[in-house]
PDB file of N, CA and C in Angstrom:
ATOM      1  N   MET A   1     113.914  90.291  -7.219  1.00  0.00           N
ATOM      2  CA  MET A   1     113.527  90.075  -9.010  1.00  0.00           C
ATOM      3  C   MET A   1     114.281  90.972  -9.422  1.00  0.00           C
ATOM      4  N   GLU A   2     115.331  90.107 -10.693  1.00  0.00           N
ATOM      5  CA  GLU A   2     116.103  91.134 -11.574  1.00  0.00           C
ATOM      6  C   GLU A   2     115.016  91.580 -12.833  1.00  0.00           C
ATOM      7  N   ASN A   3     115.523  92.262 -13.436  1.00  0.00           N
ATOM      8  CA  ASN A   3     115.171  92.914 -14.888  1.00  0.00           C
ATOM      9  C   ASN A   3     113.305  93.342 -14.271  1.00  0.00           C
ATOM     10  N   GLN A   4     113.144  94.295 -13.531  1.00  0.00           N
ATOM     11  CA  GLN A   4     111.771  94.601 -13.207  1.00  0.00           C
ATOM     12  C   GLN A   4     111.776  95.719 -14.205  1.00  0.00           C
ATOM     13  N   ILE A   5     110.327  96.227 -14.499  1.00  0.00           N
ATOM     14  CA  ILE A   5     109.712  97.049 -15.498  1.00  0.00           C
ATOM     15  C   ILE A   5     108.698  97.873 -14.893  1.00  0.00           C
ATOM     16  N   SER A   6     108.580  99.142 -15.119  1.00  0.00           N
ATOM     17  CA  SER A   6     107.803 100.256 -14.869  1.00  0.00           C
ATOM     18  C   SER A   6     106.286  99.983 -15.321  1.00  0.00           C
ATOM     19  N   TRP A   7     105.426 100.490 -14.344  1.00  0.00           N
ATOM     20  CA  TRP A   7     104.027 100.369 -14.790  1.00  0.00           C
ATOM     21  C   TRP A   7     103.731 100.821 -16.274  1.00  0.00           C
ATOM     22  N   GLY A   8     104.847 102.089 -16.602  1.00  0.00           N
ATOM     23  CA  GLY A   8     104.706 102.640 -17.962  1.00  0.00           C
ATOM     24  C   GLY A   8     105.054 101.518 -19.191  1.00  0.00           C
ATOM     25  N   ASP A   9     106.156 100.534 -18.780  1.00  0.00           N
ATOM     26  CA  ASP A   9     106.718  99.906 -19.808  1.00  0.00           C
ATOM     27  C   ASP A   9     105.677  98.568 -19.705  1.00  0.00           C
ATOM     28  N   PHE A  10     104.806  98.075 -18.836  1.00  0.00           N
ATOM     29  CA  PHE A  10     103.922  97.222 -18.865  1.00  0.00           C
ATOM     30  C   PHE A  10     102.748  97.778 -19.891  1.00  0.00           C
ATOM     31  N   ALA A  11     102.402  98.845 -19.512  1.00  0.00           N
ATOM     32  CA  ALA A  11     101.253  99.461 -20.201  1.00  0.00           C
ATOM     33  C   ALA A  11     101.434  99.854 -21.867  1.00  0.00           C
ATOM     34  N   LYS A  12     102.475  99.490 -22.189  1.00  0.00           N
ATOM     35  CA  LYS A  12     103.276  99.480 -24.040  1.00  0.00           C
ATOM     36  C   LYS A  12     102.556  98.309 -24.519  1.00  0.00           C
ATOM     37  N   ILE A  13     102.768  97.287 -23.592  1.00  0.00           N
ATOM     38  CA  ILE A  13     102.483  95.642 -23.905  1.00  0.00           C
ATOM     39  C   ILE A  13     100.900  95.932 -24.412  1.00  0.00           C
ATOM     40  N   ASP A  14     100.910  95.168 -25.624  1.00  0.00           N
ATOM     41  CA  ASP A  14      99.205  95.069 -25.985  1.00  0.00           C
ATOM     42  C   ASP A  14      99.017  93.469 -26.584  1.00  0.00           C
ATOM     43  N   MET A  15      98.487  93.385 -25.036  1.00  0.00           N
ATOM     44  CA  MET A  15      97.889  91.587 -25.523  1.00  0.00           C
ATOM     45  C   MET A  15      96.745  91.783 -25.568  1.00  0.00           C
ATOM     46  N   ARG A  16      96.064  90.711 -26.477  1.00  0.00           N
ATOM     47  CA  ARG A  16      94.393  90.448 -26.972  1.00  0.00           C
ATOM     48  C   ARG A  16      94.520  88.961 -27.017  1.00  0.00           C
ATOM     49  N   VAL A  17      93.045  88.677 -26.933  1.00  0.00           N
ATOM     50  CA  VAL A  17      92.576  87.258 -27.020  1.00  0.00           C
ATOM     51  C   VAL A  17      92.142  87.206 -28.650  1.00  0.00           C
ATOM     52  N   GLY A  18      92.518  86.463 -29.167  1.00  0.00           N
ATOM     53  CA  GLY A  18      92.314  85.510 -30.546  1.00  0.00           C
ATOM     54  C   GLY A  18      92.013  84.230 -30.734  1.00  0.00           C
ATOM     55  N   THR A  19      91.221  83.852 -31.809  1.00  0.00           N
ATOM     56  CA  THR A  19      91.176  82.819 -32.148  1.00  0.00           C
ATOM     57  C   THR A  19      91.793  82.021 -33.281  1.00  0.00           C
ATOM     58  N   ILE A  20      92.420  80.864 -33.036  1.00  0.00           N
ATOM     59  CA  ILE A  20      93.395  80.339 -33.990  1.00  0.00           C
ATOM     60  C   ILE A  20      92.429  79.773 -35.368  1.00  0.00           C
ATOM     61  N   ILE A  21      92.731  80.474 -36.497  1.00  0.00           N
ATOM     62  CA  ILE A  21      91.738  79.882 -37.670  1.00  0.00           C
ATOM     63  C   ILE A  21      92.480  79.308 -38.576  1.00  0.00           C
ATOM     64  N   GLU A  22      94.034  79.040 -38.502  1.00  0.00           N
ATOM     65  CA  GLU A  22      94.608  78.229 -39.740  1.00  0.00           C
ATOM     66  C   GLU A  22      95.934  78.077 -38.819  1.00  0.00           C
ATOM     67  N   VAL A  23      96.274  76.663 -39.327  1.00  0.00           N
ATOM     68  CA  VAL A  23      97.671  76.010 -38.680  1.00  0.00           C
ATOM     69  C   VAL A  23      98.377  75.250 -39.869  1.00  0.00           C
ATOM     70  N   ASN A  24      99.393  75.370 -40.141  1.00  0.00           N
ATOM     71  CA  ASN A  24     100.070  74.470 -41.213  1.00  0.00           C
ATOM     72  C   ASN A  24     101.598  74.488 -40.495  1.00  0.00           C
ATOM     73  N   ASP A  25     102.189  73.228 -40.954  1.00  0.00           N
ATOM     74  CA  ASP A  25     103.590  72.688 -40.530  1.00  0.00           C
ATOM     75  C   ASP A  25     104.666  73.976 -41.057  1.00  0.00           C
ATOM     76  N   PHE A  26     105.557  74.045 -40.639  1.00  0.00           N
ATOM     77  CA  PHE A  26     106.511  74.571 -40.852  1.00  0.00           C
ATOM     78  C   PHE A  26     108.154  74.085 -40.598  1.00  0.00           C
ATOM     79  N   PRO A  27     108.202  73.421 -41.784  1.00  0.00           N
ATOM     80  CA  PRO A  27     109.535  72.688 -42.024  1.00  0.00           C
ATOM     81  C   PRO A  27     110.521  73.330 -42.482  1.00  0.00           C
ATOM     82  N   GLU A  28     110.557  74.578 -42.573  1.00  0.00           N
ATOM     83  CA  GLU A  28     111.651  75.656 -42.812  1.00  0.00           C
ATOM     84  C   GLU A  28     112.515  76.362 -41.228  1.00  0.00           C
ATOM     85  N   ALA A  29     111.475  76.213 -40.391  1.00  0.00           N
ATOM     86  CA  ALA A  29     111.967  76.417 -38.946  1.00  0.00           C
ATOM     87  C   ALA A  29     113.035  75.826 -38.094  1.00  0.00           C
ATOM     88  N   ARG A  30     113.988  76.644 -37.540  1.00  0.00           N
ATOM     89  CA  ARG A  30     115.126  75.973 -36.783  1.00  0.00           C
ATOM     90  C   ARG A  30     114.669  74.717 -36.155  1.00  0.00           C
ATOM     91  N   ASN A  31     113.572  75.102 -35.728  1.00  0.00           N
ATOM     92  CA  ASN A  31     113.133  73.904 -34.188  1.00  0.00           C
ATOM     93  C   ASN A  31     111.566  73.719 -34.808  1.00  0.00           C
ATOM     94  N   PRO A  32     110.903  72.500 -34.363  1.00  0.00           N
ATOM     95  CA  PRO A  32     109.616  72.210 -34.890  1.00  0.00           C
ATOM     96  C   PRO A  32     108.972  73.297 -34.516  1.00  0.00           C
ATOM     97  N   ALA A  33     107.888  73.795 -35.675  1.00  0.00           N
ATOM     98  CA  ALA A  33     107.244  74.661 -35.365  1.00  0.00           C
ATOM     99  C   ALA A  33     105.877  74.617 -36.133  1.00  0.00           C
ATOM    100  N   TYR A  34     104.704  75.166 -35.652  1.00  0.00           N
ATOM    101  CA  TYR A  34     103.738  75.584 -36.702  1.00  0.00           C
ATOM    102  C   TYR A  34     103.720  77.161 -37.464  1.00  0.00           C
ATOM    103  N   GLN A  35     103.038  77.274 -38.323  1.00  0.00           N
ATOM    104  CA  GLN A  35     102.807  78.604 -38.669  1.00  0.00           C
ATOM    105  C   GLN A  35     101.304  78.899 -38.281  1.00  0.00           C
ATOM    106  N   ILE A  36     100.799  79.694 -37.893  1.00  0.00           N
ATOM    107  CA  ILE A  36      99.815  79.979 -36.919  1.00  0.00           C
ATOM    108  C   ILE A  36      99.092  81.086 -37.756  1.00  0.00           C
ATOM    109  N   HIS A  37      97.744  81.225 -37.971  1.00  0.00           N
ATOM    110  CA  HIS A  37      97.061  82.518 -38.101  1.00  0.00           C
ATOM    111  C   HIS A  37      95.867  82.471 -36.998  1.00  0.00           C
ATOM    112  N   VAL A  38      95.868  83.952 -36.727  1.00  0.00           N
ATOM    113  CA  VAL A  38      95.037  84.094 -35.325  1.00  0.00           C
ATOM    114  C   VAL A  38      94.380  85.300 -35.755  1.00  0.00           C
ATOM    115  N   ASP A  39      92.815  84.951 -35.691  1.00  0.00           N
ATOM    116  CA  ASP A  39      91.563  86.348 -35.912  1.00  0.00           C
ATOM    117  C   ASP A  39      91.938  86.851 -34.452  1.00  0.00           C
ATOM    118  N   PHE A  40      92.097  88.266 -34.444  1.00  0.00           N
ATOM    119  CA  PHE A  40      92.096  89.087 -33.302  1.00  0.00           C
ATOM    120  C   PHE A  40      90.687  90.184 -33.510  1.00  0.00           C
ATOM    121  N   GLY A  41      89.838  89.777 -34.287  1.00  0.00           N
ATOM    122  CA  GLY A  41      88.600  90.721 -34.419  1.00  0.00           C
ATOM    123  C   GLY A  41      88.581  91.458 -35.589  1.00  0.00           C
ATOM    124  N   GLU A  42      87.354  92.716 -35.864  1.00  0.00           N
ATOM    125  CA  GLU A  42      87.156  93.794 -36.680  1.00  0.00           C
ATOM    126  C   GLU A  42      88.382  94.486 -36.484  1.00  0.00           C
ATOM    127  N   ASP A  43      89.089  95.275 -35.198  1.00  0.00           N
ATOM    128  CA  ASP A  43      89.863  96.013 -35.092  1.00  0.00           C
ATOM    129  C   ASP A  43      91.294  96.036 -35.521  1.00  0.00           C
ATOM    130  N   ILE A  44      91.763  94.516 -35.436  1.00  0.00           N
ATOM    131  CA  ILE A  44      93.376  93.977 -35.510  1.00  0.00           C
ATOM    132  C   ILE A  44      93.229  93.194 -37.029  1.00  0.00           C
ATOM    133  N   GLY A  45      92.239  92.194 -37.024  1.00  0.00           N
ATOM    134  CA  GLY A  45      92.284  91.135 -38.202  1.00  0.00           C
ATOM    135  C   GLY A  45      92.864  90.315 -37.709  1.00  0.00           C
ATOM    136  N   VAL A  46      93.482  89.216 -38.839  1.00  0.00           N
ATOM    137  CA  VAL A  46      94.224  88.449 -38.594  1.00  0.00           C
ATOM    138  C   VAL A  46      95.688  88.770 -38.776  1.00  0.00           C
ATOM    139  N   LYS A  47      96.263  88.129 -37.850  1.00  0.00           N
ATOM    140  CA  LYS A  47      98.022  87.894 -37.792  1.00  0.00           C
ATOM    141  C   LYS A  47      98.725  86.568 -37.699  1.00  0.00           C
ATOM    142  N   LYS A  48      99.497  86.765 -38.363  1.00  0.00           N
ATOM    143  CA  LYS A  48     100.503  85.310 -38.490  1.00  0.00           C
ATOM    144  C   LYS A  48     101.636  85.170 -37.285  1.00  0.00           C
ATOM    145  N   THR A  49     101.846  84.162 -37.028  1.00  0.00           N
ATOM    146  CA  THR A  49     102.895  83.863 -36.031  1.00  0.00           C
ATOM    147  C   THR A  49     103.567  82.400 -36.544  1.00  0.00           C
ATOM    148  N   SER A  50     104.728  82.530 -35.775  1.00  0.00           N
ATOM    149  CA  SER A  50     105.300  80.953 -35.755  1.00  0.00           C
ATOM    150  C   SER A  50     105.076  80.411 -34.054  1.00  0.00           C
ATOM    151  N   ALA A  51     104.905  78.999 -33.848  1.00  0.00           N
ATOM    152  CA  ALA A  51     104.926  78.774 -32.436  1.00  0.00           C
ATOM    153  C   ALA A  51     105.680  77.480 -32.729  1.00  0.00           C
ATOM    154  N   GLN A  52     106.908  77.497 -31.360  1.00  0.00           N
ATOM    155  CA  GLN A  52     107.207  75.858 -31.148  1.00  0.00           C
ATOM    156  C   GLN A  52     106.346  75.103 -30.221  1.00  0.00           C
ATOM    157  N   ILE A  53     105.032  74.756 -30.454  1.00  0.00           N
ATOM    158  CA  ILE A  53     104.443  74.082 -29.914  1.00  0.00           C
ATOM    159  C   ILE A  53     103.834  72.769 -30.179  1.00  0.00           C
ATOM    160  N   THR A  54     104.476  72.141 -30.870  1.00  0.00           N
ATOM    161  CA  THR A  54     104.120  71.009 -31.541  1.00  0.00           C
ATOM    162  C   THR A  54     104.558  69.879 -30.569  1.00  0.00           C
ATOM    163  N   VAL A  55     104.934  70.168 -29.353  1.00  0.00           N
ATOM    164  CA  VAL A  55     105.284  68.883 -28.312  1.00  0.00           C
ATOM    165  C   VAL A  55     103.950  68.473 -27.895  1.00  0.00           C
ATOM    166  N   ARG A  56     103.275  69.542 -27.639  1.00  0.00           N
ATOM    167  CA  ARG A  56     101.869  69.286 -26.752  1.00  0.00           C
ATOM    168  C   ARG A  56     100.422  69.264 -27.739  1.00  0.00           C
ATOM    169  N   TYR A  57     100.542  70.087 -28.639  1.00  0.00           N
ATOM    170  CA  TYR A  57      99.721  70.202 -29.512  1.00  0.00           C
ATOM    171  C   TYR A  57      99.540  69.785 -31.056  1.00  0.00           C
ATOM    172  N   SER A  58      98.358  69.107 -31.529  1.00  0.00           N
ATOM    173  CA  SER A  58      98.303  68.589 -32.912  1.00  0.00           C
ATOM    174  C   SER A  58      97.651  70.125 -33.857  1.00  0.00           C
ATOM    175  N   LYS A  59      97.740  69.961 -35.217  1.00  0.00           N
ATOM    176  CA  LYS A  59      97.198  71.010 -35.505  1.00  0.00           C
ATOM    177  C   LYS A  59      95.791  71.154 -35.776  1.00  0.00           C
ATOM    178  N   GLU A  60      95.424  70.109 -35.449  1.00  0.00           N
ATOM    179  CA  GLU A  60      93.632  69.805 -35.653  1.00  0.00           C
ATOM    180  C   GLU A  60      93.036  70.387 -34.531  1.00  0.00           C
ATOM    181  N   GLU A  61      93.921  70.126 -33.217  1.00  0.00           N
ATOM    182  CA  GLU A  61      93.098  70.522 -31.956  1.00  0.00           C
ATOM    183  C   GLU A  61      93.452  71.978 -31.555  1.00  0.00           C
ATOM    184  N   LEU A  62      94.326  72.890 -32.410  1.00  0.00           N
ATOM    185  CA  LEU A  62      94.497  74.165 -32.243  1.00  0.00           C
ATOM    186  C   LEU A  62      93.476  75.097 -33.007  1.00  0.00           C
ATOM    187  N   ILE A  63      92.870  74.463 -33.985  1.00  0.00           N
ATOM    188  CA  ILE A  63      92.033  75.459 -34.542  1.00  0.00           C
ATOM    189  C   ILE A  63      90.453  75.318 -33.733  1.00  0.00           C
ATOM    190  N   GLY A  64      90.289  76.819 -33.769  1.00  0.00           N
ATOM    191  CA  GLY A  64      89.420  77.144 -32.803  1.00  0.00           C
ATOM    192  C   GLY A  64      89.631  77.445 -31.398  1.00  0.00           C
ATOM    193  N   CYS A  65      90.895  77.378 -31.285  1.00  0.00           N
ATOM    194  CA  CYS A  65      91.475  77.933 -29.674  1.00  0.00           C
ATOM    195  C   CYS A  65      91.697  79.172 -29.529  1.00  0.00           C
ATOM    196  N   GLN A  66      91.254  80.032 -28.446  1.00  0.00           N
ATOM    197  CA  GLN A  66      91.405  80.949 -28.229  1.00  0.00           C
ATOM    198  C   GLN A  66      92.777  81.030 -27.545  1.00  0.00           C
ATOM    199  N   VAL A  67      93.677  82.156 -27.721  1.00  0.00           N
ATOM    200  CA  VAL A  67      94.934  82.087 -26.969  1.00  0.00           C
ATOM    201  C   VAL A  67      95.010  83.782 -26.675  1.00  0.00           C
ATOM    202  N   ILE A  68      96.168  83.875 -26.081  1.00  0.00           N
ATOM    203  CA  ILE A  68      96.486  85.390 -25.681  1.00  0.00           C
ATOM    204  C   ILE A  68      97.810  85.628 -26.230  1.00  0.00           C
ATOM    205  N   ALA A  69      97.961  86.823 -27.261  1.00  0.00           N
ATOM    206  CA  ALA A  69      98.942  87.055 -27.856  1.00  0.00           C
ATOM    207  C   ALA A  69      99.375  88.836 -27.511  1.00  0.00           C
ATOM    208  N   VAL A  70     100.729  88.888 -27.673  1.00  0.00           N
ATOM    209  CA  VAL A  70     101.388  90.215 -27.819  1.00  0.00           C
ATOM    210  C   VAL A  70     101.215  90.663 -29.306  1.00  0.00           C
ATOM    211  N   VAL A  71     100.267  91.948 -29.778  1.00  0.00           N
ATOM    212  CA  VAL A  71     100.312  92.228 -30.978  1.00  0.00           C
ATOM    213  C   VAL A  71     100.799  93.460 -31.563  1.00  0.00           C
ATOM    214  N   ASN A  72     101.600  93.691 -30.555  1.00  0.00           N
ATOM    215  CA  ASN A  72     102.297  95.153 -31.268  1.00  0.00           C
ATOM    216  C   ASN A  72     103.890  95.057 -31.291  1.00  0.00           C
ATOM    217  N   PHE A  73     103.902  93.920 -31.275  1.00  0.00           N
ATOM    218  CA  PHE A  73     105.781  93.805 -31.658  1.00  0.00           C
ATOM    219  C   PHE A  73     105.887  94.008 -32.906  1.00  0.00           C
ATOM    220  N   PRO A  74     107.205  94.674 -33.162  1.00  0.00           N
ATOM    221  CA  PRO A  74     107.428  94.674 -35.152  1.00  0.00           C
ATOM    222  C   PRO A  74     107.410  93.426 -35.621  1.00  0.00           C
ATOM    223  N   LYS A  75     107.040  93.362 -36.890  1.00  0.00           N
ATOM    224  CA  LYS A  75     107.067  91.971 -37.766  1.00  0.00           C
ATOM    225  C   LYS A  75     108.674  91.398 -37.351  1.00  0.00           C
ATOM    226  N   LYS A  76     108.703  90.053 -37.451  1.00  0.00           N
ATOM    227  CA  LYS A  76     109.804  89.533 -37.045  1.00  0.00           C
ATOM    228  C   LYS A  76     110.004  88.184 -38.220  1.00  0.00           C
ATOM    229  N   GLN A  77     111.305  88.067 -38.927  1.00  0.00           N
ATOM    230  CA  GLN A  77     111.644  87.402 -39.924  1.00  0.00           C
ATOM    231  C   GLN A  77     111.958  85.822 -39.404  1.00  0.00           C
ATOM    232  N   ILE A  78     111.128  84.900 -39.491  1.00  0.00           N
ATOM    233  CA  ILE A  78     111.785  83.914 -38.885  1.00  0.00           C
ATOM    234  C   ILE A  78     111.639  82.877 -40.302  1.00  0.00           C
ATOM    235  N   ALA A  79     112.839  82.335 -40.787  1.00  0.00           N
ATOM    236  CA  ALA A  79     113.210  81.431 -41.711  1.00  0.00           C
ATOM    237  C   ALA A  79     112.397  82.208 -42.863  1.00  0.00           C
ATOM    238  N   ASN A  80     111.801  81.845 -43.814  1.00  0.00           N
ATOM    239  CA  ASN A  80     110.706  82.366 -45.001  1.00  0.00           C
ATOM    240  C   ASN A  80     109.507  82.827 -44.424  1.00  0.00           C
ATOM    241  N   PHE A  81     109.261  83.211 -43.535  1.00  0.00           N
ATOM    242  CA  PHE A  81     107.931  83.713 -42.724  1.00  0.00           C
ATOM    243  C   PHE A  81     108.146  84.934 -41.845  1.00  0.00           C
ATOM    244  N   MET A  82     107.254  85.655 -42.067  1.00  0.00           N
ATOM    245  CA  MET A  82     107.220  87.004 -41.100  1.00  0.00           C
ATOM    246  C   MET A  82     106.062  86.822 -40.009  1.00  0.00           C
ATOM    247  N   SER A  83     106.636  87.051 -38.703  1.00  0.00           N
ATOM    248  CA  SER A  83     105.506  86.789 -37.615  1.00  0.00           C
ATOM    249  C   SER A  83     105.194  87.980 -37.180  1.00  0.00           C
ATOM    250  N   GLU A  84     103.864  88.025 -36.841  1.00  0.00           N
ATOM    251  CA  GLU A  84     103.515  89.504 -36.673  1.00  0.00           C
ATOM    252  C   GLU A  84     102.802  89.629 -35.114  1.00  0.00           C
ATOM    253  N   CYS A  85     103.016  88.517 -34.284  1.00  0.00           N
ATOM    254  CA  CYS A  85     102.355  88.496 -33.149  1.00  0.00           C
ATOM    255  C   CYS A  85     103.128  87.557 -32.222  1.00  0.00           C
ATOM    256  N   LEU A  86     102.968  87.459 -30.938  1.00  0.00           N
ATOM    257  CA  LEU A  86     103.391  86.536 -30.496  1.00  0.00           C
ATOM    258  C   LEU A  86     102.632  85.918 -29.125  1.00  0.00           C
ATOM    259  N   ILE A  87     102.272  84.774 -29.525  1.00  0.00           N
ATOM    260  CA  ILE A  87     100.898  83.710 -28.765  1.00  0.00           C
ATOM    261  C   ILE A  87     102.105  83.398 -27.319  1.00  0.00           C
ATOM    262  N   LEU A  88     101.365  83.722 -26.426  1.00  0.00           N
ATOM    263  CA  LEU A  88     102.036  83.848 -24.898  1.00  0.00           C
ATOM    264  C   LEU A  88     101.523  82.013 -24.346  1.00  0.00           C
ATOM    265  N   GLY A  89     102.763  81.610 -23.507  1.00  0.00           N
ATOM    266  CA  GLY A  89     102.586  80.623 -23.243  1.00  0.00           C
ATOM    267  C   GLY A  89     103.653  80.135 -21.603  1.00  0.00           C
ATOM    268  N   ALA A  90     103.202  78.953 -21.379  1.00  0.00           N
ATOM    269  CA  ALA A  90     104.132  78.725 -19.889  1.00  0.00           C
ATOM    270  C   ALA A  90     105.080  77.964 -20.533  1.00  0.00           C
ATOM    271  N   VAL A  91     106.529  77.812 -20.370  1.00  0.00           N
ATOM    272  CA  VAL A  91     107.078  77.190 -20.966  1.00  0.00           C
ATOM    273  C   VAL A  91     108.096  76.467 -19.981  1.00  0.00           C
ATOM    274  N   LYS A  92     108.097  74.919 -20.113  1.00  0.00           N
ATOM    275  CA  LYS A  92     108.631  73.982 -19.415  1.00  0.00           C
ATOM    276  C   LYS A  92     109.710  72.860 -20.119  1.00  0.00           C
ATOM    277  N   GLY A  93     110.870  73.475 -20.387  1.00  0.00           N
ATOM    278  CA  GLY A  93     111.780  72.688 -21.113  1.00  0.00           C
ATOM    279  C   GLY A  93     111.300  72.965 -22.875  1.00  0.00           C
ATOM    280  N   LYS A  94     110.951  72.005 -23.599  1.00  0.00           N
ATOM    281  CA  LYS A  94     110.521  71.968 -25.070  1.00  0.00           C
ATOM    282  C   LYS A  94     108.757  72.131 -24.882  1.00  0.00           C
ATOM    283  N   GLU A  95     108.579  71.969 -23.979  1.00  0.00           N
ATOM    284  CA  GLU A  95     107.010  71.712 -23.851  1.00  0.00           C
ATOM    285  C   GLU A  95     106.343  73.299 -23.478  1.00  0.00           C
ATOM    286  N   VAL A  96     105.665  73.634 -24.504  1.00  0.00           N
ATOM    287  CA  VAL A  96     104.647  75.285 -23.964  1.00  0.00           C
ATOM    288  C   VAL A  96     103.373  75.093 -24.081  1.00  0.00           C
ATOM    289  N   ILE A  97     102.620  75.429 -22.805  1.00  0.00           N
ATOM    290  CA  ILE A  97     101.249  75.133 -22.541  1.00  0.00           C
ATOM    291  C   ILE A  97     100.715  76.590 -22.943  1.00  0.00           C
ATOM    292  N   LEU A  98      99.793  76.565 -23.637  1.00  0.00           N
ATOM    293  CA  LEU A  98      99.309  78.008 -24.102  1.00  0.00           C
ATOM    294  C   LEU A  98      98.742  78.696 -23.092  1.00  0.00           C
ATOM    295  N   LEU A  99      98.599  79.974 -22.971  1.00  0.00           N
ATOM    296  CA  LEU A  99      97.697  80.661 -21.853  1.00  0.00           C
ATOM    297  C   LEU A  99      96.415  81.013 -22.800  1.00  0.00           C
ATOM    298  N   GLN A 100      95.209  80.683 -22.164  1.00  0.00           N
ATOM    299  CA  GLN A 100      93.955  80.572 -22.682  1.00  0.00           C
ATOM    300  C   GLN A 100      93.301  81.270 -22.004  1.00  0.00           C
ATOM    301  N   PRO A 101      92.278  82.217 -22.458  1.00  0.00           N
ATOM    302  CA  PRO A 101      91.030  82.744 -21.355  1.00  0.00           C
ATOM    303  C   PRO A 101      89.958  81.377 -20.874  1.00  0.00           C
ATOM    304  N   LYS A 102      89.728  81.350 -19.758  1.00  0.00           N
ATOM    305  CA  LYS A 102      88.622  80.242 -19.170  1.00  0.00           C
ATOM    306  C   LYS A 102      87.415  80.025 -20.010  1.00  0.00           C
ATOM    307  N   SER A 103      86.978  81.227 -20.343  1.00  0.00           N
ATOM    308  CA  SER A 103      85.812  81.005 -20.946  1.00  0.00           C
ATOM    309  C   SER A 103      85.758  81.862 -22.140  1.00  0.00           C
ATOM    310  N   ASN A 104      85.012  81.527 -23.441  1.00  0.00           N
ATOM    311  CA  ASN A 104      85.087  82.072 -24.782  1.00  0.00           C
ATOM    312  C   ASN A 104      84.616  83.827 -24.758  1.00  0.00           C
ATOM    313  N   VAL A 105      85.692  84.457 -24.947  1.00  0.00           N
ATOM    314  CA  VAL A 105      85.499  85.930 -25.267  1.00  0.00           C
ATOM    315  C   VAL A 105      85.490  86.480 -26.407  1.00  0.00           C
ATOM    316  N   ALA A 106      84.917  87.884 -26.957  1.00  0.00           N
ATOM    317  CA  ALA A 106      85.135  88.678 -28.272  1.00  0.00           C
ATOM    318  C   ALA A 106      86.611  88.459 -28.367  1.00  0.00           C
ATOM    319  N   ASN A 107      86.860  87.798 -29.559  1.00  0.00           N
ATOM    320  CA  ASN A 107      88.274  88.365 -30.333  1.00  0.00           C
ATOM    321  C   ASN A 107      88.633  90.000 -30.224  1.00  0.00           C
ATOM    322  N   GLY A 108      89.938  89.820 -29.810  1.00  0.00           N
ATOM    323  CA  GLY A 108      90.381  91.155 -30.021  1.00  0.00           C
ATOM    324  C   GLY A 108      90.315  91.853 -28.558  1.00  0.00           C
ATOM    325  N   LEU A 109      89.631  91.311 -27.648  1.00  0.00           N
ATOM    326  CA  LEU A 109      89.542  91.505 -26.222  1.00  0.00           C
ATOM    327  C   LEU A 109      91.040  92.084 -25.400  1.00  0.00           C
ATOM    328  N   LYS A 110      90.928  93.146 -25.095  1.00  0.00           N
ATOM    329  CA  LYS A 110      92.407  93.567 -24.429  1.00  0.00           C
ATOM    330  C   LYS A 110      92.594  92.886 -23.035  1.00  0.00           C
ATOM    331  N   ILE A 111      93.857  92.359 -22.803  1.00  0.00           N
ATOM    332  CA  ILE A 111      94.127  91.720 -21.568  1.00  0.00           C
ATOM    333  C   ILE A 111      94.912  92.953 -20.724  1.00  0.00           C
ATOM    334  N   SER A 112      94.565  93.250 -19.740  1.00  0.00           N
ATOM    335  CA  SER A 112      94.923  94.421 -18.740  1.00  0.00           C
ATOM    336  C   SER A 112      95.207  93.686 -17.471  1.00  0.00           C
TER     337      SER A 112
END
């Protein structure tokens, strides 16, 4: 396997469960995407991100969905939008299938 990381590297990644509370179109993005607001609970709060998940998901069906995201990346400028986290998904071509907990859990729960 190439590009192996150490356990120490993995421990630096802060992945949390959050609930999508707002989804908007993102026409300024280079590729079709949504602007998404995710509630990670009291300690982290709401973070924004953009996600190229328009092939599989409508805005309406995303509201209330729990997702898993990396929350400790630095902010990243995407067109006119600042992304504050990275929602995780399995990628097959242009289709992204979101990683989600099987059961609802508390927002902000840490993935380890």
